[in-house]
Amino acid sequence: MSATPAACLIGWPAAHSRSPLIHKYWLKSFGIDGDYRIEAVEPAAFADFIANLSARGYRGANVTIPHKEQALALSTPDARARAVGAANTLYFNDDKLRSTNTDVEGFIGNLDASAPGWDSADEVLVLGAGGSSRAVIFGLIERGIKRVYLANRTASRTQLLADQFGTQVQPLAWDAVNSVLPRVKLLVNTTSLGMKGQPPLDIDVGALPAGATVADLVYVPLETDLLKAARARGLKTADGLGMLLHQAVRGFELWFGKRPTVTPELRALVEADLVRT
């Protein structure tokens, strides 16, 4: 392994990632002479790439689309990665390649920072049943939320997650979402609806109770219509950029031995970069 500590992001494509901006900011903040690079690796080459990760000079890596499930299968995953069914962070322990999924604490850490007290909710509503939804549900159940209503445009995917996570997750038909809004204290959008170039998310936040929190995992645009409507009503919000920043914390700690914090300066740096593109 290289004497100069380094980590990378592995994806296909990967050039769009903001991870280098985040990790290089922290390396500079701690005065660590290290590096974080982007590695564009096509799917057929992924297994060989991570089998030789240490020899390439890396202490670990972030993994993004389309490699997350393959990363899980080719490493020793922890409980979080297994539950989510995907790994987004690789690291070495006792010379063994291990994996985790930091989307869980990225989501929870962002909620704690943006909307303290959110976890007093007994019932929450999660929209979407993809990989990020699995991370959200795992985090909510781990935090002690008693009931998670789960709605997705494809009902079969909703049932799959309900079967995986058990009785705390209640499948909900997409057209029945409005019926539970008056009693949920947290609404989470994990779908691509509302993202730039995607159809809008048609949800009436006016039906949510006072004091509710609205979280949206989308970060392009920075303020989605969902969050804009929630803020106009005076509700607490947590945005997708906050989750992106918080999910990076544990990977940095695993690779470089220091636990960083998400500062207003870092957020402003990444926000400015997003606005430019």
Protein backbone atom coordinates (compact mmCIF):
# COMPACT_ATOMS: atom_id res chain seq x y z
CA MET A 1 0.00 0.00 0.00
CA SER A 2 1.26 3.48 -0.87
CA ALA A 3 2.85 5.55 1.91
CA THR A 4 0.74 8.51 0.80
CA PRO A 5 -2.84 7.80 1.90
CA ALA A 6 -5.31 7.81 -0.97
CA ALA A 7 -8.89 6.80 -1.68
CA CYS A 8 -11.01 7.00 -4.79
CA LEU A 9 -14.48 6.97 -6.24
CA ILE A 10 -15.21 4.05 -8.58
CA GLY A 11 -18.07 4.50 -11.01
CA TRP A 12 -19.14 4.28 -14.66
CA PRO A 13 -19.55 7.12 -15.46
CA ALA A 14 -17.88 8.93 -12.56
CA ALA A 15 -16.74 12.38 -13.73
CA HIS A 16 -19.87 14.10 -12.34
CA SER A 17 -19.10 13.17 -8.71
CA ARG A 18 -18.60 15.85 -6.05
CA SER A 19 -16.82 13.39 -3.73
CA PRO A 20 -13.31 14.66 -4.61
CA LEU A 21 -14.35 18.19 -3.67
CA ILE A 22 -15.59 16.99 -0.27
CA HIS A 23 -12.67 14.71 0.64
CA LYS A 24 -9.94 17.05 -0.60
CA TYR A 25 -11.49 19.80 1.54
CA TRP A 26 -11.18 17.56 4.60
CA LEU A 27 -7.65 16.41 3.71
CA LYS A 28 -6.59 20.05 3.56
CA SER A 29 -8.44 20.87 6.80
CA PHE A 30 -6.58 18.13 8.69
CA GLY A 31 -3.25 18.88 7.02
CA ILE A 32 -3.07 15.34 5.62
CA ASP A 33 -0.81 14.83 2.62
CA GLY A 34 -3.24 12.51 0.88
CA ASP A 35 -5.38 12.28 -2.21
CA TYR A 36 -8.85 11.34 -3.43
CA ARG A 37 -9.25 10.49 -7.09
CA ILE A 38 -11.93 9.45 -9.55
CA GLU A 39 -11.57 6.06 -11.23
CA ALA A 40 -13.90 5.44 -14.17
CA VAL A 41 -14.14 1.64 -14.26
CA GLU A 42 -16.48 -0.23 -16.58
CA PRO A 43 -18.50 -3.10 -15.04
CA ALA A 44 -16.46 -5.88 -16.69
CA ALA A 45 -13.26 -4.51 -15.12
CA PHE A 46 -14.63 -3.81 -11.64
CA ALA A 47 -13.80 -7.16 -9.98
CA ASP A 48 -10.17 -6.98 -11.07
CA PHE A 49 -9.89 -3.33 -10.04
CA ILE A 50 -10.99 -3.88 -6.45
CA ALA A 51 -9.07 -7.16 -6.14
CA ASN A 52 -5.96 -5.00 -6.68
CA LEU A 53 -7.19 -1.91 -4.81
CA SER A 54 -4.37 -1.94 -2.26
CA ALA A 55 -1.73 -2.58 -4.93
CA ARG A 56 -3.05 0.47 -6.79
CA GLY A 57 -2.22 2.55 -3.73
CA TYR A 58 -5.70 2.90 -2.25
CA ARG A 59 -6.79 2.52 1.36
CA GLY A 60 -10.40 2.24 0.23
CA ALA A 61 -13.00 3.62 -2.11
CA ASN A 62 -16.45 4.99 -2.60
CA VAL A 63 -18.54 2.98 -5.03
CA THR A 64 -21.31 4.45 -7.14
CA ILE A 65 -23.60 3.37 -9.98
CA PRO A 66 -23.50 0.71 -11.39
CA HIS A 67 -21.11 -1.10 -9.04
CA LYS A 68 -22.80 -1.04 -5.61
CA GLU A 69 -24.26 -4.56 -5.71
CA GLN A 70 -21.08 -6.05 -7.16
CA ALA A 71 -19.07 -4.32 -4.42
CA LEU A 72 -21.27 -6.03 -1.83
CA ALA A 73 -20.72 -9.46 -3.38
CA LEU A 74 -16.94 -9.09 -3.73
CA SER A 75 -16.22 -7.91 -0.18
CA THR A 76 -17.08 -8.71 3.43
CA PRO A 77 -20.11 -6.50 4.14
CA ASP A 78 -21.37 -5.28 7.51
CA ALA A 79 -25.00 -5.50 8.65
CA ARG A 80 -25.91 -2.17 7.10
CA ALA A 81 -24.59 -3.04 3.66
CA ARG A 82 -26.33 -6.43 3.78
CA ALA A 83 -29.65 -4.88 4.82
CA VAL A 84 -29.47 -2.21 2.13
CA GLY A 85 -28.35 -4.78 -0.44
CA ALA A 86 -25.60 -2.50 -1.72
CA ALA A 87 -22.20 -1.18 -0.65
CA ASN A 88 -21.03 2.37 -1.27
CA THR A 89 -17.82 2.31 0.79
CA LEU A 90 -14.89 -0.12 0.69
CA TYR A 91 -12.07 -0.24 3.25
CA PHE A 92 -9.45 -2.60 4.63
CA ASN A 93 -9.42 -4.18 8.07
CA ASP A 94 -6.91 -6.91 8.96
CA ASP A 95 -5.91 -6.87 5.29
CA LYS A 96 -9.42 -7.97 4.33
CA LEU A 97 -11.56 -5.90 1.96
CA ARG A 98 -14.70 -4.89 3.83
CA SER A 99 -17.75 -2.86 2.86
CA THR A 100 -20.46 -0.74 4.39
CA ASN A 101 -23.24 1.58 3.30
CA THR A 102 -22.89 5.11 4.64
CA ASP A 103 -26.16 6.31 3.08
CA VAL A 104 -27.77 5.19 6.34
CA GLU A 105 -25.88 7.60 8.60
CA GLY A 106 -25.82 10.16 5.79
CA PHE A 107 -29.59 10.30 5.90
CA ILE A 108 -29.90 10.14 9.69
CA GLY A 109 -27.00 12.54 10.32
CA ASN A 110 -28.50 15.09 7.96
CA LEU A 111 -31.89 14.85 9.67
CA ASP A 112 -30.31 15.29 13.10
CA ALA A 113 -28.44 18.38 11.91
CA SER A 114 -31.28 19.93 9.91
CA ALA A 115 -34.36 19.00 11.93
CA PRO A 116 -33.52 18.16 15.57
CA GLY A 117 -36.36 16.28 17.25
CA TRP A 118 -37.59 14.63 14.04
CA ASP A 119 -37.36 11.22 15.70
CA SER A 120 -40.28 12.00 18.02
CA ALA A 121 -42.45 10.87 15.08
CA ASP A 122 -44.35 7.62 15.56
CA GLU A 123 -45.29 7.30 11.90
CA VAL A 124 -43.40 8.32 8.77
CA LEU A 125 -44.02 8.11 5.04
CA VAL A 126 -41.27 7.07 2.60
CA LEU A 127 -41.77 7.52 -1.14
CA GLY A 128 -39.81 5.18 -3.41
CA ALA A 129 -38.49 1.63 -3.08
CA GLY A 130 -35.01 1.72 -4.64
CA GLY A 131 -31.58 1.31 -3.03
CA SER A 132 -31.66 4.67 -1.25
CA SER A 133 -35.08 3.80 0.18
CA ARG A 134 -33.59 0.65 1.75
CA ALA A 135 -30.94 2.77 3.47
CA VAL A 136 -33.58 5.22 4.71
CA ILE A 137 -35.85 2.47 6.06
CA PHE A 138 -32.94 0.73 7.80
CA GLY A 139 -31.94 3.99 9.47
CA LEU A 140 -35.50 4.82 10.56
CA ILE A 141 -36.08 1.40 12.11
CA GLU A 142 -32.67 1.46 13.80
CA ARG A 143 -33.61 4.83 15.29
CA GLY A 144 -36.82 3.40 16.76
CA ILE A 145 -39.55 4.62 14.39
CA LYS A 146 -42.59 2.41 15.00
CA ARG A 147 -44.38 2.61 11.63
CA VAL A 148 -43.02 3.31 8.16
CA TYR A 149 -45.59 3.72 5.40
CA LEU A 150 -43.93 2.88 2.09
CA ALA A 151 -45.34 3.94 -1.28
CA ASN A 152 -43.88 3.33 -4.73
CA ARG A 153 -45.27 3.62 -8.22
CA THR A 154 -44.48 -0.08 -8.76
CA ALA A 155 -46.35 -1.92 -5.98
CA SER A 156 -44.33 -5.15 -6.24
CA ARG A 157 -41.15 -3.34 -5.19
CA THR A 158 -42.96 -1.93 -2.17
CA GLN A 159 -43.94 -5.43 -1.08
CA LEU A 160 -40.37 -6.70 -1.49
CA LEU A 161 -39.09 -4.13 0.99
CA ALA A 162 -41.96 -4.79 3.39
CA ASP A 163 -41.11 -8.49 3.31
CA GLN A 164 -37.45 -7.70 3.98
CA PHE A 165 -37.90 -5.28 6.87
CA GLY A 166 -40.95 -6.80 8.57
CA THR A 167 -44.14 -5.55 10.16
CA GLN A 168 -42.87 -2.03 10.92
CA VAL A 169 -43.05 -1.32 7.16
CA GLN A 170 -46.58 -1.03 5.79
CA PRO A 171 -47.01 -1.00 1.98
CA LEU A 172 -49.21 1.79 0.69
CA ALA A 173 -50.71 2.21 -2.76
CA TRP A 174 -49.33 5.26 -4.58
CA ASP A 175 -52.81 6.75 -4.94
CA ALA A 176 -53.40 6.34 -1.18
CA VAL A 177 -50.50 8.59 -0.12
CA ASN A 178 -52.71 11.58 0.68
CA SER A 179 -54.74 9.50 3.13
CA VAL A 180 -51.83 9.15 5.59
CA LEU A 181 -50.31 12.65 5.27
CA PRO A 182 -52.33 14.15 8.16
CA ARG A 183 -50.79 11.72 10.67
CA VAL A 184 -47.14 11.39 9.57
CA LYS A 185 -44.57 13.66 11.20
CA LEU A 186 -41.87 12.87 8.64
CA LEU A 187 -42.16 12.66 4.84
CA VAL A 188 -39.16 11.37 2.88
CA ASN A 189 -38.83 11.46 -0.91
CA THR A 190 -36.31 8.91 -2.21
CA THR A 191 -37.65 8.94 -5.79
CA SER A 192 -36.24 10.92 -8.73
CA LEU A 193 -39.51 12.86 -9.00
CA GLY A 194 -38.77 16.56 -8.70
CA MET A 195 -35.20 16.14 -9.93
CA LYS A 196 -34.06 18.34 -12.79
CA GLY A 197 -35.37 16.80 -16.02
CA GLN A 198 -37.82 14.50 -14.21
CA PRO A 199 -41.59 14.82 -13.69
CA PRO A 200 -42.73 16.80 -10.62
CA LEU A 201 -43.67 15.15 -7.34
CA ASP A 202 -47.33 15.91 -6.76
CA ILE A 203 -47.70 15.89 -2.96
CA ASP A 204 -49.82 18.26 -0.90
CA VAL A 205 -47.57 19.22 2.02
CA GLY A 206 -50.46 21.30 3.32
CA ALA A 207 -51.99 18.05 4.57
CA LEU A 208 -49.04 17.34 6.88
CA PRO A 209 -49.44 18.18 10.58
CA ALA A 210 -47.80 21.27 12.04
CA GLY A 211 -44.27 20.50 13.20
CA ALA A 212 -43.70 17.84 10.54
CA THR A 213 -40.36 17.42 8.76
CA VAL A 214 -39.91 16.96 5.01
CA ALA A 215 -36.76 15.35 3.62
CA ASP A 216 -35.85 15.10 -0.07
CA LEU A 217 -32.85 13.08 -1.27
CA VAL A 218 -32.76 14.99 -4.57
CA TYR A 219 -30.02 17.67 -4.66
CA VAL A 220 -30.32 18.91 -8.25
CA PRO A 221 -32.02 21.35 -7.93
CA LEU A 222 -30.76 22.30 -4.47
CA GLU A 223 -34.25 23.35 -3.44
CA THR A 224 -36.90 21.08 -4.92
CA ASP A 225 -40.52 22.16 -5.25
CA LEU A 226 -41.32 19.77 -2.39
CA LEU A 227 -38.88 21.50 -0.02
CA LYS A 228 -39.93 24.94 -1.24
CA ALA A 229 -43.57 24.16 -0.41
CA ALA A 230 -42.62 22.72 3.00
CA ARG A 231 -40.54 25.79 3.92
CA ALA A 232 -43.35 28.11 2.80
CA ARG A 233 -45.55 26.31 5.33
CA GLY A 234 -42.96 26.69 8.07
CA LEU A 235 -42.09 22.98 8.23
CA LYS A 236 -38.59 21.71 9.00
CA THR A 237 -36.67 20.38 5.99
CA ALA A 238 -33.60 18.27 5.18
CA ASP A 239 -32.19 18.40 1.66
CA GLY A 240 -30.28 15.99 -0.54
CA LEU A 241 -27.03 17.93 -0.46
CA GLY A 242 -26.92 17.60 3.33
CA MET A 243 -27.23 13.82 3.00
CA LEU A 244 -24.48 13.75 0.35
CA LEU A 245 -22.13 15.58 2.73
CA HIS A 246 -22.98 13.54 5.83
CA GLN A 247 -22.66 10.19 4.04
CA ALA A 248 -19.02 11.03 3.25
CA VAL A 249 -17.97 11.37 6.91
CA ARG A 250 -17.44 7.72 7.87
CA GLY A 251 -15.59 6.80 4.69
CA PHE A 252 -13.06 9.55 5.32
CA GLU A 253 -12.63 8.36 8.91
CA LEU A 254 -12.10 4.74 7.81
CA TRP A 255 -9.45 5.68 5.24
CA PHE A 256 -7.62 8.60 6.84
CA GLY A 257 -8.11 8.05 10.59
CA LYS A 258 -9.75 11.39 11.36
CA ARG A 259 -13.46 12.06 11.80
CA PRO A 260 -14.43 15.18 9.84
CA THR A 261 -17.42 17.44 10.33
CA VAL A 262 -19.83 18.94 7.86
CA THR A 263 -19.29 22.69 8.11
CA PRO A 264 -21.16 25.62 6.54
CA GLU A 265 -17.97 26.38 4.58
CA LEU A 266 -17.92 22.89 3.03
CA ARG A 267 -21.59 23.08 2.16
CA ALA A 268 -21.10 26.49 0.52
CA LEU A 269 -18.17 25.08 -1.50
CA VAL A 270 -20.18 22.15 -2.91
CA GLU A 271 -23.30 24.28 -3.34
CA ALA A 272 -21.37 26.77 -5.46
CA ASP A 273 -20.02 23.93 -7.60
CA LEU A 274 -23.51 22.52 -8.15
CA VAL A 275 -24.87 25.93 -9.14
CA ARG A 276 -22.09 26.35 -11.73
CA THR A 277 -22.98 23.12 -13.58
